[in-house]
Protein backbone atom coordinates (compact mmCIF):
# COMPACT_ATOMS: atom_id res chain seq x y z
CA MET A 1 -100.51 57.65 -38.19
CA ASN A 2 -101.83 54.98 -35.82
CA PRO A 3 -99.11 52.48 -34.51
CA ILE A 4 -99.44 48.73 -35.88
CA HIS A 5 -101.34 46.87 -33.13
CA ILE A 6 -100.75 43.26 -32.82
CA PRO A 7 -103.31 41.84 -30.13
CA GLN A 8 -101.61 40.20 -27.10
CA GLU A 9 -104.19 37.35 -27.10
CA TRP A 10 -102.83 36.08 -30.62
CA ALA A 11 -100.55 33.15 -30.20
CA ASP A 12 -97.14 33.34 -31.66
CA THR A 13 -98.06 30.14 -33.84
CA ASP A 14 -101.41 31.62 -34.95
CA LEU A 15 -101.21 31.89 -38.83
CA LEU A 16 -102.22 35.15 -41.11
CA THR A 17 -102.80 35.03 -44.69
CA PHE A 18 -100.71 37.27 -46.93
CA GLU A 19 -103.85 39.64 -47.43
CA GLN A 20 -104.26 39.81 -43.59
CA PHE A 21 -100.55 40.62 -43.13
CA CYS A 22 -100.83 43.29 -45.72
CA GLU A 23 -103.78 44.85 -43.99
CA LEU A 24 -102.31 44.52 -40.61
CA VAL A 25 -99.02 46.28 -41.21
CA ARG A 26 -100.64 48.71 -44.02
CA ILE A 27 -98.42 47.99 -46.59
CA PRO A 28 -99.44 47.31 -50.25
CA PRO A 29 -99.34 43.75 -51.29
CA ARG A 30 -97.32 44.76 -54.29
CA THR A 31 -94.55 45.83 -52.01
CA VAL A 32 -94.68 42.66 -49.96
CA ARG A 33 -94.39 40.74 -53.08
CA ASP A 34 -91.49 42.72 -54.19
CA TRP A 35 -89.78 42.11 -50.76
CA ARG A 36 -90.50 38.14 -51.29
CA ARG A 37 -88.87 38.39 -54.77
CA ARG A 38 -85.94 40.04 -53.23
CA CYS A 39 -85.77 37.67 -50.14
CA VAL A 40 -86.08 40.64 -47.87
CA GLY A 41 -88.75 41.07 -45.07
CA PRO A 42 -90.46 38.54 -43.10
CA ARG A 43 -90.51 34.71 -43.65
CA TRP A 44 -93.57 33.17 -45.34
CA GLY A 45 -94.66 29.43 -45.57
CA ARG A 46 -97.16 27.40 -47.37
CA LEU A 47 -99.39 24.65 -46.02
CA ASP A 48 -99.17 21.30 -47.75
CA GLY A 49 -97.38 22.92 -50.64
CA GLY A 50 -100.41 24.79 -51.70
CA GLY A 51 -100.59 28.06 -53.32
CA ARG A 52 -101.74 30.21 -50.38
CA LEU A 53 -99.04 32.15 -48.40
CA TYR A 54 -99.16 32.35 -44.53
CA ILE A 55 -97.09 33.98 -41.76
CA ASN A 56 -97.10 33.00 -38.17
CA VAL A 57 -97.88 35.91 -35.62
CA GLY A 58 -94.49 35.40 -33.98
CA GLU A 59 -92.68 36.31 -37.30
CA VAL A 60 -95.00 39.32 -37.77
CA ARG A 61 -93.91 40.25 -34.26
CA ARG A 62 -90.34 40.00 -34.95
CA PHE A 63 -90.65 41.83 -38.19
CA VAL A 64 -92.71 44.75 -36.86
CA GLY A 65 -90.21 44.83 -33.89
CA SER A 66 -87.16 44.84 -35.92
CA ALA A 67 -88.60 47.92 -37.98
CA LEU A 68 -89.00 50.17 -34.86
CA PRO A 69 -86.47 52.09 -32.88
CA PRO A 70 -85.38 50.49 -29.65
CA THR A 71 -87.22 53.17 -27.42
CA ALA A 72 -90.33 52.38 -29.71
CA VAL A 73 -90.34 48.53 -28.57
CA GLY A 74 -89.82 49.00 -24.88
CA ASP A 75 -86.05 49.69 -24.43
CA ARG A 76 -85.96 51.48 -21.07
CA ARG A 77 -81.91 51.99 -20.78
CA GLY A 78 -82.67 55.72 -20.90
CA ALA A 79 -85.35 55.70 -18.50
CA ASP A 80 -83.50 55.44 -15.31
CA ARG A 81 -81.09 58.32 -16.13
């Protein structure tokens, strides 16, 4: 399985749609909807009270980083031993 890659050039304030997020992290939309219903997973927002859900790239990075073991996100504490 290929790791999730979030391009470095994406600013933390950039927005992704619900569909883009599901595709990026390779999680079925039904699962993400269930997370929202149970108030787990990443935080979402709507623009001007509209119906479309958005997530900012910073929240995607936080969410993906929290799901990975420390060594997978650059924890090098054990590297000097």
